[in-house]
Amino acid sequence: TMAIRLYRPTRQGNLSLLTSMTAHAIEAAGLAD
């Protein structure tokens, strides 16, 4: 019954970091797809 959480790698570099942060914010808003 313990929750399972997906961990995704954060790529290095400014463009990749910005993409990752934006994706996390969108996912937190409930838009995982």
PDB file of all heavy atoms in Angstrom:
ATOM      1  N   THR A   1       0.811  -1.221   0.000  1.00  0.00           N
ATOM      2  CA  THR A   1       0.000   0.000   0.000  1.00  0.00           C
ATOM      3  C   THR A   1       0.846   1.273   0.000  1.00  0.00           C
ATOM      4  O   THR A   1       0.304   2.373  -0.160  1.00  0.00           O
ATOM      5  CB  THR A   1      -0.918   0.014   1.233  1.00  0.00           C
ATOM      6  OG1 THR A   1      -0.118  -0.148   2.416  1.00  0.00           O
ATOM      7  CG2 THR A   1      -1.934  -1.109   1.158  1.00  0.00           C
ATOM      8  N   MET A   2       2.149   1.129   0.194  1.00  0.00           N
ATOM      9  CA  MET A   2       3.013   2.312   0.237  1.00  0.00           C
ATOM     10  C   MET A   2       3.062   2.965  -1.146  1.00  0.00           C
ATOM     11  O   MET A   2       3.152   2.286  -2.176  1.00  0.00           O
ATOM     12  CB  MET A   2       4.423   1.916   0.688  1.00  0.00           C
ATOM     13  CG  MET A   2       5.377   3.089   0.802  1.00  0.00           C
ATOM     14  SD  MET A   2       6.951   2.618   1.579  1.00  0.00           S
ATOM     15  CE  MET A   2       6.413   2.399   3.282  1.00  0.00           C
ATOM     16  N   ALA A   3       2.999   4.276  -1.173  1.00  0.00           N
ATOM     17  CA  ALA A   3       2.988   5.014  -2.441  1.00  0.00           C
ATOM     18  C   ALA A   3       4.284   4.791  -3.210  1.00  0.00           C
ATOM     19  O   ALA A   3       5.358   4.603  -2.618  1.00  0.00           O
ATOM     20  CB  ALA A   3       2.787   6.506  -2.171  1.00  0.00           C
ATOM     21  N   ILE A   4       4.168   4.808  -4.533  1.00  0.00           N
ATOM     22  CA  ILE A   4       5.345   4.695  -5.384  1.00  0.00           C
ATOM     23  C   ILE A   4       5.513   5.995  -6.152  1.00  0.00           C
ATOM     24  O   ILE A   4       4.526   6.583  -6.624  1.00  0.00           O
ATOM     25  CB  ILE A   4       5.220   3.492  -6.344  1.00  0.00           C
ATOM     26  CG1 ILE A   4       6.550   3.260  -7.080  1.00  0.00           C
ATOM     27  CG2 ILE A   4       4.067   3.663  -7.319  1.00  0.00           C
ATOM     28  CD1 ILE A   4       6.630   1.911  -7.759  1.00  0.00           C
ATOM     29  N   ARG A   5       6.731   6.474  -6.247  1.00  0.00           N
ATOM     30  CA  ARG A   5       6.995   7.773  -6.859  1.00  0.00           C
ATOM     31  C   ARG A   5       8.043   7.618  -7.957  1.00  0.00           C
ATOM     32  O   ARG A   5       9.097   7.015  -7.747  1.00  0.00           O
ATOM     33  CB  ARG A   5       7.482   8.769  -5.810  1.00  0.00           C
ATOM     34  CG  ARG A   5       7.698  10.188  -6.340  1.00  0.00           C
ATOM     35  CD  ARG A   5       8.173  11.101  -5.238  1.00  0.00           C
ATOM     36  NE  ARG A   5       7.212  11.150  -4.132  1.00  0.00           N
ATOM     37  CZ  ARG A   5       7.464  11.704  -2.960  1.00  0.00           C
ATOM     38  NH1 ARG A   5       8.657  12.229  -2.723  1.00  0.00           N
ATOM     39  NH2 ARG A   5       6.548  11.714  -2.021  1.00  0.00           N
ATOM     40  N   LEU A   6       7.733   8.157  -9.126  1.00  0.00           N
ATOM     41  CA  LEU A   6       8.656   8.094 -10.257  1.00  0.00           C
ATOM     42  C   LEU A   6       9.695   9.201 -10.152  1.00  0.00           C
ATOM     43  O   LEU A   6       9.360  10.376 -10.002  1.00  0.00           O
ATOM     44  CB  LEU A   6       7.888   8.225 -11.576  1.00  0.00           C
ATOM     45  CG  LEU A   6       8.731   8.299 -12.855  1.00  0.00           C
ATOM     46  CD1 LEU A   6       9.556   7.029 -13.034  1.00  0.00           C
ATOM     47  CD2 LEU A   6       7.834   8.541 -14.066  1.00  0.00           C
ATOM     48  N   TYR A   7      10.955   8.825 -10.240  1.00  0.00           N
ATOM     49  CA  TYR A   7      12.063   9.783 -10.241  1.00  0.00           C
ATOM     50  C   TYR A   7      12.624   9.877 -11.660  1.00  0.00           C
ATOM     51  O   TYR A   7      13.018   8.869 -12.242  1.00  0.00           O
ATOM     52  CB  TYR A   7      13.188   9.330  -9.292  1.00  0.00           C
ATOM     53  CG  TYR A   7      12.908   9.550  -7.833  1.00  0.00           C
ATOM     54  CD1 TYR A   7      11.936   8.812  -7.161  1.00  0.00           C
ATOM     55  CD2 TYR A   7      13.634  10.497  -7.106  1.00  0.00           C
ATOM     56  CE1 TYR A   7      11.681   9.014  -5.811  1.00  0.00           C
ATOM     57  CE2 TYR A   7      13.392  10.703  -5.753  1.00  0.00           C
ATOM     58  CZ  TYR A   7      12.412   9.958  -5.120  1.00  0.00           C
ATOM     59  OH  TYR A   7      12.171  10.155  -3.781  1.00  0.00           O
ATOM     60  N   ARG A   8      12.662  11.089 -12.182  1.00  0.00           N
ATOM     61  CA  ARG A   8      13.218  11.294 -13.521  1.00  0.00           C
ATOM     62  C   ARG A   8      14.536  12.051 -13.415  1.00  0.00           C
ATOM     63  O   ARG A   8      14.653  12.982 -12.618  1.00  0.00           O
ATOM     64  CB  ARG A   8      12.250  12.088 -14.396  1.00  0.00           C
ATOM     65  CG  ARG A   8      10.994  11.320 -14.793  1.00  0.00           C
ATOM     66  CD  ARG A   8      10.234  12.105 -15.857  1.00  0.00           C
ATOM     67  NE  ARG A   8       9.044  11.389 -16.306  1.00  0.00           N
ATOM     68  CZ  ARG A   8       7.835  11.556 -15.789  1.00  0.00           C
ATOM     69  NH1 ARG A   8       7.669  12.424 -14.796  1.00  0.00           N
ATOM     70  NH2 ARG A   8       6.801  10.890 -16.250  1.00  0.00           N
ATOM     71  N   PRO A   9      15.512  11.676 -14.242  1.00  0.00           N
ATOM     72  CA  PRO A   9      16.800  12.387 -14.191  1.00  0.00           C
ATOM     73  C   PRO A   9      16.643  13.840 -14.610  1.00  0.00           C
ATOM     74  O   PRO A   9      15.844  14.155 -15.497  1.00  0.00           O
ATOM     75  CB  PRO A   9      17.672  11.623 -15.204  1.00  0.00           C
ATOM     76  CG  PRO A   9      16.995  10.315 -15.410  1.00  0.00           C
ATOM     77  CD  PRO A   9      15.528  10.561 -15.205  1.00  0.00           C
ATOM     78  N   THR A  10      17.394  14.726 -13.953  1.00  0.00           N
ATOM     79  CA  THR A  10      17.458  16.126 -14.349  1.00  0.00           C
ATOM     80  C   THR A  10      18.722  16.315 -15.158  1.00  0.00           C
ATOM     81  O   THR A  10      19.832  16.134 -14.650  1.00  0.00           O
ATOM     82  CB  THR A  10      17.491  17.052 -13.126  1.00  0.00           C
ATOM     83  OG1 THR A  10      16.313  16.835 -12.349  1.00  0.00           O
ATOM     84  CG2 THR A  10      17.544  18.505 -13.562  1.00  0.00           C
ATOM     85  N   ARG A  11      18.568  16.659 -16.426  1.00  0.00           N
ATOM     86  CA  ARG A  11      19.740  16.803 -17.290  1.00  0.00           C
ATOM     87  C   ARG A  11      20.457  18.110 -17.004  1.00  0.00           C
ATOM     88  O   ARG A  11      19.848  19.096 -16.630  1.00  0.00           O
ATOM     89  CB  ARG A  11      19.317  16.719 -18.761  1.00  0.00           C
ATOM     90  CG  ARG A  11      18.925  15.298 -19.126  1.00  0.00           C
ATOM     91  CD  ARG A  11      18.412  15.188 -20.544  1.00  0.00           C
ATOM     92  NE  ARG A  11      18.268  13.784 -20.877  1.00  0.00           N
ATOM     93  CZ  ARG A  11      17.259  13.023 -20.484  1.00  0.00           C
ATOM     94  NH1 ARG A  11      16.312  13.543 -19.747  1.00  0.00           N
ATOM     95  NH2 ARG A  11      17.196  11.742 -20.819  1.00  0.00           N
ATOM     96  N   GLN A  12      21.767  18.079 -17.237  1.00  0.00           N
ATOM     97  CA  GLN A  12      22.594  19.245 -16.968  1.00  0.00           C
ATOM     98  C   GLN A  12      22.498  20.235 -18.120  1.00  0.00           C
ATOM     99  O   GLN A  12      22.243  19.878 -19.265  1.00  0.00           O
ATOM    100  CB  GLN A  12      24.058  18.817 -16.779  1.00  0.00           C
ATOM    101  CG  GLN A  12      24.240  17.837 -15.626  1.00  0.00           C
ATOM    102  CD  GLN A  12      23.813  18.426 -14.303  1.00  0.00           C
ATOM    103  OE1 GLN A  12      24.389  19.395 -13.840  1.00  0.00           O
ATOM    104  NE2 GLN A  12      22.807  17.835 -13.687  1.00  0.00           N
ATOM    105  N   GLY A  13      22.756  21.511 -17.818  1.00  0.00           N
ATOM    106  CA  GLY A  13      22.703  22.543 -18.847  1.00  0.00           C
ATOM    107  C   GLY A  13      21.500  23.443 -18.642  1.00  0.00           C
ATOM    108  O   GLY A  13      20.458  23.019 -18.157  1.00  0.00           O
ATOM    109  N   ASN A  14      21.614  24.713 -19.046  1.00  0.00           N
ATOM    110  CA  ASN A  14      20.562  25.681 -18.790  1.00  0.00           C
ATOM    111  C   ASN A  14      19.260  25.336 -19.509  1.00  0.00           C
ATOM    112  O   ASN A  14      18.180  25.398 -18.945  1.00  0.00           O
ATOM    113  CB  ASN A  14      21.030  27.086 -19.224  1.00  0.00           C
ATOM    114  CG  ASN A  14      22.169  27.566 -18.352  1.00  0.00           C
ATOM    115  OD1 ASN A  14      22.288  27.154 -17.216  1.00  0.00           O
ATOM    116  ND2 ASN A  14      23.012  28.442 -18.906  1.00  0.00           N
ATOM    117  N   LEU A  15      19.358  24.945 -20.807  1.00  0.00           N
ATOM    118  CA  LEU A  15      18.155  24.639 -21.562  1.00  0.00           C
ATOM    119  C   LEU A  15      17.461  23.429 -20.967  1.00  0.00           C
ATOM    120  O   LEU A  15      16.243  23.429 -20.775  1.00  0.00           O
ATOM    121  CB  LEU A  15      18.530  24.378 -23.035  1.00  0.00           C
ATOM    122  CG  LEU A  15      17.360  23.957 -23.945  1.00  0.00           C
ATOM    123  CD1 LEU A  15      16.317  25.075 -23.978  1.00  0.00           C
ATOM    124  CD2 LEU A  15      17.856  23.636 -25.345  1.00  0.00           C
ATOM    125  N   SER A  16      18.222  22.376 -20.636  1.00  0.00           N
ATOM    126  CA  SER A  16      17.616  21.170 -20.096  1.00  0.00           C
ATOM    127  C   SER A  16      17.023  21.422 -18.722  1.00  0.00           C
ATOM    128  O   SER A  16      15.969  20.885 -18.378  1.00  0.00           O
ATOM    129  CB  SER A  16      18.669  20.060 -20.007  1.00  0.00           C
ATOM    130  OG  SER A  16      19.160  19.752 -21.286  1.00  0.00           O
ATOM    131  N   LEU A  17      17.705  22.235 -17.902  1.00  0.00           N
ATOM    132  CA  LEU A  17      17.194  22.530 -16.566  1.00  0.00           C
ATOM    133  C   LEU A  17      15.879  23.295 -16.659  1.00  0.00           C
ATOM    134  O   LEU A  17      14.929  23.005 -15.936  1.00  0.00           O
ATOM    135  CB  LEU A  17      18.235  23.344 -15.785  1.00  0.00           C
ATOM    136  CG  LEU A  17      17.842  23.736 -14.349  1.00  0.00           C
ATOM    137  CD1 LEU A  17      17.560  22.486 -13.517  1.00  0.00           C
ATOM    138  CD2 LEU A  17      18.940  24.569 -13.714  1.00  0.00           C
ATOM    139  N   LEU A  18      15.814  24.282 -17.579  1.00  0.00           N
ATOM    140  CA  LEU A  18      14.587  25.038 -17.759  1.00  0.00           C
ATOM    141  C   LEU A  18      13.459  24.126 -18.234  1.00  0.00           C
ATOM    142  O   LEU A  18      12.327  24.208 -17.750  1.00  0.00           O
ATOM    143  CB  LEU A  18      14.817  26.162 -18.777  1.00  0.00           C
ATOM    144  CG  LEU A  18      13.586  27.029 -19.114  1.00  0.00           C
ATOM    145  CD1 LEU A  18      13.070  27.719 -17.867  1.00  0.00           C
ATOM    146  CD2 LEU A  18      13.947  28.039 -20.203  1.00  0.00           C
ATOM    147  N   THR A  19      13.772  23.232 -19.188  1.00  0.00           N
ATOM    148  CA  THR A  19      12.770  22.284 -19.677  1.00  0.00           C
ATOM    149  C   THR A  19      12.272  21.407 -18.547  1.00  0.00           C
ATOM    150  O   THR A  19      11.067  21.162 -18.406  1.00  0.00           O
ATOM    151  CB  THR A  19      13.378  21.409 -20.793  1.00  0.00           C
ATOM    152  OG1 THR A  19      13.804  22.256 -21.862  1.00  0.00           O
ATOM    153  CG2 THR A  19      12.361  20.412 -21.320  1.00  0.00           C
ATOM    154  N   SER A  20      13.202  20.920 -17.712  1.00  0.00           N
ATOM    155  CA  SER A  20      12.825  20.029 -16.613  1.00  0.00           C
ATOM    156  C   SER A  20      11.948  20.751 -15.596  1.00  0.00           C
ATOM    157  O   SER A  20      10.933  20.217 -15.141  1.00  0.00           O
ATOM    158  CB  SER A  20      14.086  19.495 -15.936  1.00  0.00           C
ATOM    159  OG  SER A  20      13.759  18.660 -14.861  1.00  0.00           O
ATOM    160  N   MET A  21      12.319  21.982 -15.222  1.00  0.00           N
ATOM    161  CA  MET A  21      11.536  22.737 -14.245  1.00  0.00           C
ATOM    162  C   MET A  21      10.121  23.018 -14.778  1.00  0.00           C
ATOM    163  O   MET A  21       9.138  22.896 -14.053  1.00  0.00           O
ATOM    164  CB  MET A  21      12.256  24.056 -13.914  1.00  0.00           C
ATOM    165  CG  MET A  21      13.549  23.873 -13.123  1.00  0.00           C
ATOM    166  SD  MET A  21      14.421  25.439 -12.884  1.00  0.00           S
ATOM    167  CE  MET A  21      13.215  26.359 -11.929  1.00  0.00           C
ATOM    168  N   THR A  22      10.041  23.390 -16.068  1.00  0.00           N
ATOM    169  CA  THR A  22       8.731  23.656 -16.661  1.00  0.00           C
ATOM    170  C   THR A  22       7.879  22.403 -16.673  1.00  0.00           C
ATOM    171  O   THR A  22       6.683  22.433 -16.363  1.00  0.00           O
ATOM    172  CB  THR A  22       8.903  24.185 -18.100  1.00  0.00           C
ATOM    173  OG1 THR A  22       9.743  25.341 -18.083  1.00  0.00           O
ATOM    174  CG2 THR A  22       7.554  24.558 -18.699  1.00  0.00           C
ATOM    175  N   ALA A  23       8.498  21.262 -17.030  1.00  0.00           N
ATOM    176  CA  ALA A  23       7.766  19.998 -17.073  1.00  0.00           C
ATOM    177  C   ALA A  23       7.248  19.621 -15.693  1.00  0.00           C
ATOM    178  O   ALA A  23       6.112  19.147 -15.550  1.00  0.00           O
ATOM    179  CB  ALA A  23       8.660  18.897 -17.633  1.00  0.00           C
ATOM    180  N   HIS A  24       8.064  19.821 -14.644  1.00  0.00           N
ATOM    181  CA  HIS A  24       7.630  19.503 -13.278  1.00  0.00           C
ATOM    182  C   HIS A  24       6.449  20.385 -12.864  1.00  0.00           C
ATOM    183  O   HIS A  24       5.521  19.914 -12.199  1.00  0.00           O
ATOM    184  CB  HIS A  24       8.793  19.680 -12.301  1.00  0.00           C
ATOM    185  CG  HIS A  24       9.807  18.595 -12.381  1.00  0.00           C
ATOM    186  ND1 HIS A  24       9.474  17.260 -12.436  1.00  0.00           N
ATOM    187  CD2 HIS A  24      11.163  18.652 -12.413  1.00  0.00           C
ATOM    188  CE1 HIS A  24      10.579  16.536 -12.498  1.00  0.00           C
ATOM    189  NE2 HIS A  24      11.605  17.353 -12.489  1.00  0.00           N
ATOM    190  N   ALA A  25       6.496  21.676 -13.245  1.00  0.00           N
ATOM    191  CA  ALA A  25       5.402  22.578 -12.892  1.00  0.00           C
ATOM    192  C   ALA A  25       4.110  22.157 -13.595  1.00  0.00           C
ATOM    193  O   ALA A  25       3.030  22.157 -12.998  1.00  0.00           O
ATOM    194  CB  ALA A  25       5.765  24.020 -13.272  1.00  0.00           C
ATOM    195  N   ILE A  26       4.220  21.780 -14.885  1.00  0.00           N
ATOM    196  CA  ILE A  26       3.045  21.328 -15.631  1.00  0.00           C
ATOM    197  C   ILE A  26       2.484  20.049 -15.026  1.00  0.00           C
ATOM    198  O   ILE A  26       1.273  19.877 -14.888  1.00  0.00           O
ATOM    199  CB  ILE A  26       3.403  21.117 -17.117  1.00  0.00           C
ATOM    200  CG1 ILE A  26       3.751  22.459 -17.775  1.00  0.00           C
ATOM    201  CG2 ILE A  26       2.257  20.445 -17.871  1.00  0.00           C
ATOM    202  CD1 ILE A  26       4.262  22.333 -19.185  1.00  0.00           C
ATOM    203  N   GLU A  27       3.383  19.142 -14.640  1.00  0.00           N
ATOM    204  CA  GLU A  27       2.948  17.874 -14.049  1.00  0.00           C
ATOM    205  C   GLU A  27       2.255  18.109 -12.704  1.00  0.00           C
ATOM    206  O   GLU A  27       1.254  17.463 -12.380  1.00  0.00           O
ATOM    207  CB  GLU A  27       4.148  16.947 -13.863  1.00  0.00           C
ATOM    208  CG  GLU A  27       3.784  15.534 -13.444  1.00  0.00           C
ATOM    209  CD  GLU A  27       4.986  14.621 -13.440  1.00  0.00           C
ATOM    210  OE1 GLU A  27       6.098  15.119 -13.132  1.00  0.00           O
ATOM    211  OE2 GLU A  27       4.833  13.445 -13.735  1.00  0.00           O
ATOM    212  N   ALA A  28       2.790  19.036 -11.916  1.00  0.00           N
ATOM    213  CA  ALA A  28       2.182  19.337 -10.618  1.00  0.00           C
ATOM    214  C   ALA A  28       0.784  19.917 -10.783  1.00  0.00           C
ATOM    215  O   ALA A  28      -0.065  19.784  -9.900  1.00  0.00           O
ATOM    216  CB  ALA A  28       3.067  20.318  -9.840  1.00  0.00           C
ATOM    217  N   ALA A  29       0.539  20.543 -11.946  1.00  0.00           N
ATOM    218  CA  ALA A  29      -0.782  21.099 -12.219  1.00  0.00           C
ATOM    219  C   ALA A  29      -1.764  20.035 -12.704  1.00  0.00           C
ATOM    220  O   ALA A  29      -2.905  20.347 -13.030  1.00  0.00           O
ATOM    221  CB  ALA A  29      -0.673  22.211 -13.254  1.00  0.00           C
ATOM    222  N   GLY A  30      -1.301  18.784 -12.790  1.00  0.00           N
ATOM    223  CA  GLY A  30      -2.184  17.692 -13.182  1.00  0.00           C
ATOM    224  C   GLY A  30      -2.160  17.372 -14.659  1.00  0.00           C
ATOM    225  O   GLY A  30      -2.990  16.605 -15.140  1.00  0.00           O
ATOM    226  N   LEU A  31      -1.199  17.924 -15.413  1.00  0.00           N
ATOM    227  CA  LEU A  31      -1.115  17.690 -16.856  1.00  0.00           C
ATOM    228  C   LEU A  31       0.102  16.817 -17.150  1.00  0.00           C
ATOM    229  O   LEU A  31       1.066  17.237 -17.794  1.00  0.00           O
ATOM    230  CB  LEU A  31      -1.027  19.026 -17.608  1.00  0.00           C
ATOM    231  CG  LEU A  31      -2.203  19.982 -17.388  1.00  0.00           C
ATOM    232  CD1 LEU A  31      -1.935  21.321 -18.066  1.00  0.00           C
ATOM    233  CD2 LEU A  31      -3.496  19.364 -17.915  1.00  0.00           C
ATOM    234  N   ALA A  32       0.058  15.573 -16.668  1.00  0.00           N
ATOM    235  CA  ALA A  32       1.202  14.675 -16.793  1.00  0.00           C
ATOM    236  C   ALA A  32       1.542  14.374 -18.249  1.00  0.00           C
ATOM    237  O   ALA A  32       2.708  14.280 -18.623  1.00  0.00           O
ATOM    238  CB  ALA A  32       0.935  13.377 -16.034  1.00  0.00           C
ATOM    239  N   ASP A  33       0.509  14.195 -19.094  1.00  0.00           N
ATOM    240  CA  ASP A  33       0.753  13.875 -20.500  1.00  0.00           C
ATOM    241  C   ASP A  33       1.514  14.990 -21.202  1.00  0.00           C
ATOM    242  O   ASP A  33       2.449  14.751 -21.973  1.00  0.00           O
ATOM    243  CB  ASP A  33      -0.575  13.621 -21.228  1.00  0.00           C
ATOM    244  CG  ASP A  33      -1.227  12.321 -20.776  1.00  0.00           C
ATOM    245  OD1 ASP A  33      -0.514  11.491 -20.179  1.00  0.00           O
ATOM    246  OD2 ASP A  33      -2.434  12.153 -21.023  1.00  0.00           O
TER     247      ASP A  33
END
